[in-house]
Amino acid sequence: MSTPRPRRLSEQETIEMAYDLFLEQAMDNLDPADVLLFNLQFEDCGGAELVPTGNDWSEIASFPAQTPDCAEVVIGLAPDDDADIDQIFARVLLSRQFTGTPEFAIRWRK
């Protein structure tokens, strides 16, 4: 049986996959008060956006972070629609070379 050929995720697919991974694991990794805050305010001022990949992934990511095939997505709340996310609940590092199972690492809000 051959392994699936990798395909490059689009920016939108990358953001959506990072958000799905966040939702799957948030209850186990965030403080209950943060989960409640995020759930109450996400529809009004929440978001997920691609940002430049940080330099602090080497100790938790099982794949190289500083390559064009990786993307970092921040997930959190912004003060309004025109502002950047300023309350970050998670940073998700995701390989954009997708073979069926995502390669990722998440830094959670502390």
N, C-alpha and C. Protein backbone atom coordinates (compact mmCIF):
# COMPACT_ATOMS: atom_id res chain seq x y z
N MET A 1 0.84 -1.18 0.00
CA MET A 1 0.00 0.00 0.00
C MET A 1 0.89 1.24 0.00
N SER A 2 0.64 2.16 -0.89
CA SER A 2 1.47 3.35 -0.99
C SER A 2 0.93 4.45 -0.07
N THR A 3 1.83 5.33 0.32
CA THR A 3 1.41 6.45 1.15
C THR A 3 0.79 7.51 0.27
N PRO A 4 -0.19 8.22 0.79
CA PRO A 4 -0.83 9.27 -0.01
C PRO A 4 0.18 10.34 -0.41
N ARG A 5 0.01 10.86 -1.58
CA ARG A 5 0.87 11.93 -2.07
C ARG A 5 0.48 13.22 -1.34
N PRO A 6 1.47 13.92 -0.79
CA PRO A 6 1.14 15.16 -0.08
C PRO A 6 0.55 16.21 -1.02
N ARG A 7 -0.37 16.97 -0.48
CA ARG A 7 -0.88 18.12 -1.23
C ARG A 7 -0.75 19.33 -0.33
N ARG A 8 -0.47 20.47 -0.92
CA ARG A 8 -0.28 21.69 -0.15
C ARG A 8 -1.63 22.31 0.19
N LEU A 9 -1.84 22.56 1.47
CA LEU A 9 -3.06 23.21 1.93
C LEU A 9 -3.05 24.68 1.53
N SER A 10 -4.19 25.19 1.13
CA SER A 10 -4.32 26.62 0.87
C SER A 10 -4.29 27.36 2.20
N GLU A 11 -4.18 28.68 2.14
CA GLU A 11 -4.21 29.47 3.38
C GLU A 11 -5.52 29.25 4.13
N GLN A 12 -6.64 29.24 3.41
CA GLN A 12 -7.94 29.05 4.06
C GLN A 12 -8.04 27.66 4.68
N GLU A 13 -7.59 26.63 3.96
CA GLU A 13 -7.61 25.27 4.51
C GLU A 13 -6.72 25.16 5.75
N THR A 14 -5.59 25.85 5.73
CA THR A 14 -4.68 25.84 6.87
C THR A 14 -5.35 26.45 8.10
N ILE A 15 -5.99 27.59 7.92
CA ILE A 15 -6.69 28.25 9.02
C ILE A 15 -7.82 27.36 9.55
N GLU A 16 -8.60 26.78 8.65
CA GLU A 16 -9.72 25.92 9.06
C GLU A 16 -9.23 24.69 9.81
N MET A 17 -8.15 24.07 9.33
CA MET A 17 -7.63 22.88 10.01
C MET A 17 -7.08 23.24 11.38
N ALA A 18 -6.38 24.36 11.48
CA ALA A 18 -5.85 24.80 12.77
C ALA A 18 -7.00 25.06 13.75
N TYR A 19 -8.05 25.68 13.28
CA TYR A 19 -9.20 25.96 14.14
C TYR A 19 -9.87 24.66 14.59
N ASP A 20 -10.02 23.71 13.68
CA ASP A 20 -10.60 22.41 14.05
C ASP A 20 -9.76 21.71 15.11
N LEU A 21 -8.43 21.72 14.94
CA LEU A 21 -7.54 21.11 15.93
C LEU A 21 -7.66 21.81 17.28
N PHE A 22 -7.76 23.13 17.24
CA PHE A 22 -7.96 23.92 18.47
C PHE A 22 -9.24 23.48 19.18
N LEU A 23 -10.34 23.42 18.44
CA LEU A 23 -11.62 23.05 19.05
C LEU A 23 -11.58 21.65 19.65
N GLU A 24 -10.92 20.71 18.97
CA GLU A 24 -10.84 19.34 19.46
C GLU A 24 -10.11 19.24 20.79
N GLN A 25 -9.14 20.14 21.03
CA GLN A 25 -8.28 19.99 22.19
C GLN A 25 -8.41 21.09 23.24
N ALA A 26 -9.20 22.10 22.97
CA ALA A 26 -9.29 23.25 23.88
C ALA A 26 -9.75 22.87 25.28
N MET A 27 -10.75 22.04 25.39
CA MET A 27 -11.29 21.69 26.72
C MET A 27 -10.24 21.02 27.60
N ASP A 28 -9.32 20.28 26.99
CA ASP A 28 -8.29 19.58 27.75
C ASP A 28 -7.07 20.43 28.05
N ASN A 29 -6.94 21.57 27.39
CA ASN A 29 -5.70 22.33 27.50
C ASN A 29 -5.85 23.78 27.97
N LEU A 30 -7.06 24.28 28.00
CA LEU A 30 -7.29 25.64 28.46
C LEU A 30 -7.99 25.62 29.81
N ASP A 31 -7.81 26.68 30.56
CA ASP A 31 -8.53 26.87 31.80
C ASP A 31 -10.03 26.94 31.49
N PRO A 32 -10.90 26.35 32.31
CA PRO A 32 -12.34 26.42 32.04
C PRO A 32 -12.86 27.84 31.84
N ALA A 33 -12.32 28.80 32.58
CA ALA A 33 -12.75 30.20 32.41
C ALA A 33 -12.39 30.72 31.02
N ASP A 34 -11.22 30.32 30.50
CA ASP A 34 -10.82 30.73 29.15
C ASP A 34 -11.72 30.10 28.09
N VAL A 35 -12.08 28.84 28.29
CA VAL A 35 -12.98 28.17 27.34
C VAL A 35 -14.32 28.90 27.32
N LEU A 36 -14.84 29.24 28.49
CA LEU A 36 -16.11 29.95 28.58
C LEU A 36 -16.02 31.32 27.91
N LEU A 37 -14.97 32.07 28.21
CA LEU A 37 -14.77 33.38 27.60
C LEU A 37 -14.70 33.27 26.07
N PHE A 38 -13.92 32.33 25.58
CA PHE A 38 -13.78 32.15 24.14
C PHE A 38 -15.13 31.82 23.51
N ASN A 39 -15.84 30.87 24.10
CA ASN A 39 -17.14 30.45 23.54
C ASN A 39 -18.16 31.58 23.55
N LEU A 40 -18.16 32.39 24.60
CA LEU A 40 -19.13 33.48 24.69
C LEU A 40 -18.83 34.62 23.72
N GLN A 41 -17.56 34.86 23.44
CA GLN A 41 -17.20 36.03 22.64
C GLN A 41 -16.74 35.72 21.22
N PHE A 42 -16.55 34.46 20.88
CA PHE A 42 -15.98 34.15 19.57
C PHE A 42 -16.82 34.68 18.41
N GLU A 43 -18.12 34.51 18.48
CA GLU A 43 -18.97 34.94 17.36
C GLU A 43 -18.86 36.44 17.11
N ASP A 44 -18.73 37.22 18.17
CA ASP A 44 -18.65 38.68 18.03
C ASP A 44 -17.25 39.19 17.70
N CYS A 45 -16.23 38.60 18.31
CA CYS A 45 -14.90 39.18 18.13
C CYS A 45 -13.78 38.15 18.04
N GLY A 46 -14.13 36.92 17.72
CA GLY A 46 -13.11 35.88 17.62
C GLY A 46 -12.57 35.73 16.22
N GLY A 47 -11.43 35.09 16.14
CA GLY A 47 -10.85 34.87 14.83
C GLY A 47 -9.67 33.93 14.88
N ALA A 48 -9.25 33.55 13.69
CA ALA A 48 -8.05 32.74 13.48
C ALA A 48 -7.35 33.34 12.27
N GLU A 49 -6.06 33.58 12.40
CA GLU A 49 -5.35 34.20 11.29
C GLU A 49 -3.92 33.69 11.19
N LEU A 50 -3.42 33.65 9.97
CA LEU A 50 -2.03 33.29 9.72
C LEU A 50 -1.12 34.42 10.17
N VAL A 51 -0.03 34.06 10.80
CA VAL A 51 0.97 35.04 11.24
C VAL A 51 2.35 34.49 10.87
N PRO A 52 3.38 35.32 10.88
CA PRO A 52 4.73 34.80 10.65
C PRO A 52 5.07 33.73 11.69
N THR A 53 5.71 32.68 11.25
CA THR A 53 6.04 31.57 12.15
C THR A 53 7.08 32.02 13.18
N GLY A 54 6.76 31.75 14.45
CA GLY A 54 7.66 32.11 15.54
C GLY A 54 8.90 31.22 15.57
N ASN A 55 9.89 31.66 16.33
CA ASN A 55 11.16 30.93 16.45
C ASN A 55 11.18 29.98 17.64
N ASP A 56 10.07 29.80 18.33
CA ASP A 56 10.06 29.05 19.59
C ASP A 56 9.39 27.67 19.49
N TRP A 57 9.39 27.08 18.32
CA TRP A 57 8.71 25.81 18.13
C TRP A 57 9.61 24.58 18.27
N SER A 58 10.91 24.75 18.23
CA SER A 58 11.82 23.60 18.14
C SER A 58 11.66 22.60 19.28
N GLU A 59 11.34 23.06 20.48
CA GLU A 59 11.25 22.12 21.60
C GLU A 59 9.94 21.34 21.65
N ILE A 60 8.91 21.74 20.90
CA ILE A 60 7.66 20.97 20.97
C ILE A 60 7.20 20.42 19.62
N ALA A 61 7.71 20.94 18.52
CA ALA A 61 7.29 20.45 17.20
C ALA A 61 8.17 19.28 16.78
N SER A 62 7.55 18.25 16.22
CA SER A 62 8.29 17.07 15.77
C SER A 62 8.71 17.21 14.30
N PHE A 63 8.57 18.38 13.75
CA PHE A 63 8.93 18.65 12.36
C PHE A 63 9.52 20.06 12.29
N PRO A 64 10.32 20.36 11.27
CA PRO A 64 10.94 21.69 11.21
C PRO A 64 9.91 22.79 10.99
N ALA A 65 9.98 23.81 11.83
CA ALA A 65 8.98 24.88 11.78
C ALA A 65 9.35 25.99 10.81
N GLN A 66 10.62 26.22 10.61
CA GLN A 66 11.05 27.36 9.81
C GLN A 66 11.23 26.97 8.34
N THR A 67 10.17 26.46 7.74
CA THR A 67 10.19 26.12 6.32
C THR A 67 8.96 26.73 5.66
N PRO A 68 9.00 26.90 4.34
CA PRO A 68 7.82 27.43 3.65
C PRO A 68 6.60 26.49 3.73
N ASP A 69 6.84 25.23 4.11
CA ASP A 69 5.74 24.27 4.21
C ASP A 69 5.00 24.35 5.54
N CYS A 70 5.45 25.20 6.46
CA CYS A 70 4.79 25.34 7.75
C CYS A 70 4.11 26.69 7.86
N ALA A 71 3.06 26.71 8.64
CA ALA A 71 2.33 27.96 8.88
C ALA A 71 1.96 28.01 10.36
N GLU A 72 1.90 29.22 10.87
CA GLU A 72 1.44 29.44 12.24
C GLU A 72 0.12 30.19 12.19
N VAL A 73 -0.83 29.70 12.95
CA VAL A 73 -2.15 30.32 13.03
C VAL A 73 -2.40 30.68 14.48
N VAL A 74 -2.79 31.94 14.73
CA VAL A 74 -3.20 32.33 16.08
C VAL A 74 -4.72 32.31 16.14
N ILE A 75 -5.22 31.88 17.29
CA ILE A 75 -6.66 31.78 17.50
C ILE A 75 -6.98 32.53 18.78
N GLY A 76 -7.94 33.45 18.69
CA GLY A 76 -8.27 34.22 19.87
C GLY A 76 -9.34 35.26 19.61
N LEU A 77 -9.28 36.33 20.39
CA LEU A 77 -10.28 37.39 20.35
C LEU A 77 -9.61 38.72 20.02
N ALA A 78 -10.33 39.56 19.30
CA ALA A 78 -9.86 40.91 18.96
C ALA A 78 -10.83 41.92 19.54
N PRO A 79 -10.37 43.14 19.82
CA PRO A 79 -11.27 44.14 20.40
C PRO A 79 -12.39 44.56 19.45
N ASP A 80 -12.14 44.50 18.14
CA ASP A 80 -13.18 44.80 17.15
C ASP A 80 -12.80 44.17 15.81
N ASP A 81 -13.68 44.30 14.82
CA ASP A 81 -13.48 43.65 13.53
C ASP A 81 -12.23 44.12 12.79
N ASP A 82 -11.80 45.34 13.03
CA ASP A 82 -10.65 45.90 12.31
C ASP A 82 -9.32 45.71 13.04
N ALA A 83 -9.36 45.14 14.22
CA ALA A 83 -8.15 45.02 15.04
C ALA A 83 -7.54 43.62 14.92
N ASP A 84 -6.26 43.55 15.25
CA ASP A 84 -5.59 42.26 15.33
C ASP A 84 -6.05 41.51 16.57
N ILE A 85 -5.89 40.21 16.54
CA ILE A 85 -6.19 39.38 17.71
C ILE A 85 -5.22 39.76 18.82
N ASP A 86 -5.76 40.15 19.97
CA ASP A 86 -4.89 40.53 21.09
C ASP A 86 -5.02 39.60 22.30
N GLN A 87 -6.04 38.77 22.32
CA GLN A 87 -6.17 37.75 23.36
C GLN A 87 -5.98 36.40 22.67
N ILE A 88 -4.76 35.89 22.71
CA ILE A 88 -4.44 34.65 22.01
C ILE A 88 -4.67 33.47 22.94
N PHE A 89 -5.51 32.55 22.51
CA PHE A 89 -5.80 31.34 23.28
C PHE A 89 -4.92 30.18 22.85
N ALA A 90 -4.50 30.20 21.59
CA ALA A 90 -3.60 29.15 21.10
C ALA A 90 -2.86 29.63 19.86
N ARG A 91 -1.65 29.12 19.73
CA ARG A 91 -0.87 29.28 18.51
C ARG A 91 -0.69 27.87 17.95
N VAL A 92 -1.07 27.68 16.71
CA VAL A 92 -1.02 26.37 16.09
C VAL A 92 0.02 26.39 14.97
N LEU A 93 0.99 25.49 15.05
CA LEU A 93 1.96 25.30 13.98
C LEU A 93 1.48 24.10 13.18
N LEU A 94 1.37 24.26 11.89
CA LEU A 94 0.79 23.23 11.04
C LEU A 94 1.61 23.07 9.78
N SER A 95 1.91 21.83 9.42
CA SER A 95 2.55 21.57 8.14
C SER A 95 1.49 21.70 7.06
N ARG A 96 1.80 22.47 6.03
CA ARG A 96 0.85 22.65 4.93
C ARG A 96 0.94 21.52 3.91
N GLN A 97 1.91 20.61 4.09
CA GLN A 97 2.00 19.42 3.24
C GLN A 97 1.14 18.35 3.90
N PHE A 98 -0.05 18.16 3.38
CA PHE A 98 -1.06 17.30 4.02
C PHE A 98 -1.13 15.95 3.31
N THR A 99 -1.02 14.88 4.10
CA THR A 99 -1.10 13.52 3.55
C THR A 99 -2.29 12.75 4.10
N GLY A 100 -3.16 13.41 4.83
CA GLY A 100 -4.32 12.75 5.41
C GLY A 100 -4.37 12.87 6.92
N THR A 101 -3.22 12.97 7.55
CA THR A 101 -3.12 13.17 8.99
C THR A 101 -2.29 14.43 9.22
N PRO A 102 -2.84 15.41 9.92
CA PRO A 102 -2.09 16.67 10.09
C PRO A 102 -0.87 16.51 10.99
N GLU A 103 0.22 17.18 10.60
CA GLU A 103 1.38 17.34 11.46
C GLU A 103 1.23 18.71 12.09
N PHE A 104 1.19 18.75 13.42
CA PHE A 104 0.95 20.03 14.08
C PHE A 104 1.51 20.03 15.50
N ALA A 105 1.60 21.22 16.03
CA ALA A 105 1.94 21.44 17.44
C ALA A 105 1.13 22.65 17.88
N ILE A 106 0.75 22.67 19.16
CA ILE A 106 -0.05 23.79 19.67
C ILE A 106 0.59 24.33 20.94
N ARG A 107 0.71 25.64 21.00
CA ARG A 107 1.11 26.34 22.23
C ARG A 107 -0.16 26.97 22.79
N TRP A 108 -0.51 26.56 24.00
CA TRP A 108 -1.75 27.01 24.63
C TRP A 108 -1.50 28.21 25.52
N ARG A 109 -2.54 29.01 25.67
CA ARG A 109 -2.51 30.14 26.61
C ARG A 109 -2.28 29.59 28.01
N LYS A 110 -1.46 30.29 28.75
CA LYS A 110 -1.18 29.85 30.14
C LYS A 110 -1.83 30.77 31.12
